[in-house]
Amino acid sequence: METTLYTKFGHPVMYISPQHGYAIYNWNGHALSYLVDDAIYGWRGRHLGWFINGIVYDLNGYRVGYTKDTCPYAVYMEYVKYAKYAQYAKYARFAPYARPALSWSDSPEDLESFLSKDKV
């Protein structure tokens, strides 16, 4: 089952598709990043952050996104999803960074631009 990711204000912007290698898609059907265990990687192999207990963290340990159960605000209804585009071949992954202390603070970066940093 797909998991929707929300901004800190409860807006749905991305979703995780376990049927497609845990790729993270935007609502237009483009795969922008993917999960390996709890690490988030961009399509070009760059380590972007972590997905731990339903919360997306950046490399500094700040919160960037949430699932429905962990969002601090009431969540908006999900949009209709477009068909998924074919995925590009994944580049070799860089080694993940050491995990920092996780913060209760929100990152100044929005979720969509965070997960789109290393797209093809």
Protein backbone atom coordinates (compact mmCIF):
# COMPACT_ATOMS: atom_id res chain seq x y z
CA MET A 1 0.00 0.00 0.00
CA GLU A 2 1.28 3.45 -0.89
CA THR A 3 2.24 5.85 1.90
CA THR A 4 1.48 9.54 1.42
CA LEU A 5 3.98 12.14 2.62
CA TYR A 6 2.72 15.48 3.92
CA THR A 7 4.30 18.88 4.51
CA LYS A 8 4.51 20.24 8.04
CA PHE A 9 1.15 21.96 7.41
CA GLY A 10 -0.63 18.77 6.28
CA HIS A 11 -0.54 19.19 2.50
CA PRO A 12 0.02 15.93 0.54
CA VAL A 13 2.92 16.33 -1.90
CA MET A 14 4.58 12.92 -2.40
CA TYR A 15 3.95 9.23 -1.88
CA ILE A 16 6.06 6.11 -1.40
CA SER A 17 5.30 3.16 -3.66
CA PRO A 18 6.56 -0.17 -2.27
CA GLN A 19 5.52 -1.95 -5.50
CA HIS A 20 8.13 0.07 -7.42
CA GLY A 21 11.23 -0.40 -5.26
CA TYR A 22 10.12 2.07 -2.58
CA ALA A 23 10.33 4.94 -5.04
CA ILE A 24 9.02 8.31 -3.87
CA TYR A 25 6.72 9.86 -6.48
CA ASN A 26 5.22 13.31 -6.84
CA TRP A 27 1.55 13.67 -7.79
CA ASN A 28 2.48 13.99 -11.48
CA GLY A 29 3.81 10.42 -11.51
CA HIS A 30 7.55 11.17 -11.58
CA ALA A 31 9.86 9.13 -9.33
CA LEU A 32 12.15 11.66 -7.64
CA SER A 33 13.92 9.64 -4.94
CA TYR A 34 13.78 6.25 -3.23
CA LEU A 35 14.25 4.46 0.08
CA VAL A 36 16.88 1.90 1.03
CA ASP A 37 16.15 0.70 4.57
CA ASP A 38 15.67 4.02 6.40
CA ALA A 39 17.90 6.12 4.09
CA ILE A 40 16.48 8.37 1.34
CA TYR A 41 18.50 8.62 -1.87
CA GLY A 42 18.12 10.83 -4.91
CA TRP A 43 17.95 9.15 -8.29
CA ARG A 44 21.60 10.03 -8.97
CA GLY A 45 22.69 8.17 -5.83
CA ARG A 46 23.14 11.07 -3.40
CA HIS A 47 22.07 10.46 0.19
CA LEU A 48 19.38 13.03 1.06
CA GLY A 49 18.16 12.10 4.52
CA TRP A 50 16.21 9.52 6.52
CA PHE A 51 12.67 8.18 6.84
CA ILE A 52 12.31 7.11 10.47
CA ASN A 53 9.04 6.23 12.23
CA GLY A 54 6.93 8.03 9.62
CA ILE A 55 8.99 11.25 9.60
CA VAL A 56 11.33 12.49 6.85
CA TYR A 57 14.54 14.03 8.24
CA ASP A 58 17.19 16.01 6.37
CA LEU A 59 20.94 15.50 6.77
CA ASN A 60 20.99 17.90 9.73
CA GLY A 61 18.31 15.97 11.61
CA TYR A 62 15.49 18.47 11.02
CA ARG A 63 11.99 17.33 10.10
CA VAL A 64 10.98 17.86 6.49
CA GLY A 65 7.87 15.70 5.99
CA TYR A 66 5.41 13.43 7.72
CA THR A 67 2.98 10.57 7.19
CA LYS A 68 -0.68 10.99 8.08
CA ASP A 69 -0.15 9.53 11.56
CA THR A 70 2.83 11.72 12.48
CA CYS A 71 1.82 15.09 10.97
CA PRO A 72 1.46 17.83 13.62
CA TYR A 73 -1.53 19.36 11.77
CA ALA A 74 -4.76 17.94 10.41
CA VAL A 75 -4.01 16.57 6.95
CA TYR A 76 -5.68 17.58 3.70
CA MET A 77 -7.30 15.02 1.43
CA GLU A 78 -5.01 13.32 -1.09
CA TYR A 79 -5.16 14.40 -4.71
CA VAL A 80 -5.89 12.03 -7.57
CA LYS A 81 -2.64 10.35 -8.60
CA TYR A 82 -1.49 10.36 -12.22
CA ALA A 83 -0.17 7.20 -13.84
CA LYS A 84 3.44 6.55 -12.93
CA TYR A 85 6.09 7.28 -15.54
CA ALA A 86 8.80 4.72 -16.20
CA GLN A 87 11.70 5.04 -13.79
CA TYR A 88 15.17 6.02 -14.93
CA ALA A 89 18.01 3.65 -14.15
CA LYS A 90 19.37 4.34 -10.68
CA TYR A 91 22.93 5.58 -10.37
CA ALA A 92 25.34 3.92 -7.92
CA ARG A 93 24.59 5.01 -4.37
CA PHE A 94 27.00 7.11 -2.35
CA ALA A 95 27.75 5.97 1.19
CA PRO A 96 25.18 7.34 3.65
CA TYR A 97 26.14 10.08 6.06
CA ALA A 98 26.27 9.39 9.78
CA ARG A 99 22.88 10.03 11.32
CA PRO A 100 22.82 13.22 13.44
CA ALA A 101 20.75 13.68 16.57
CA LEU A 102 17.15 13.94 15.36
CA SER A 103 15.44 17.23 16.12
CA TRP A 104 11.87 18.21 16.97
CA SER A 105 12.33 21.33 14.82
CA ASP A 106 11.16 21.67 11.24
CA SER A 107 13.57 22.25 8.38
CA PRO A 108 13.22 25.54 6.48
CA GLU A 109 13.21 23.53 3.24
CA ASP A 110 9.90 22.29 1.85
CA LEU A 111 9.33 18.56 1.27
CA GLU A 112 9.01 18.61 -2.51
CA SER A 113 12.23 20.53 -3.15
CA PHE A 114 14.04 18.37 -0.55
CA LEU A 115 13.09 15.10 -2.27
CA SER A 116 13.73 16.59 -5.75
CA LYS A 117 17.34 17.62 -5.03
CA ASP A 118 18.97 14.74 -6.88
CA LYS A 119 16.42 13.94 -9.57
CA VAL A 120 17.33 12.96 -13.11
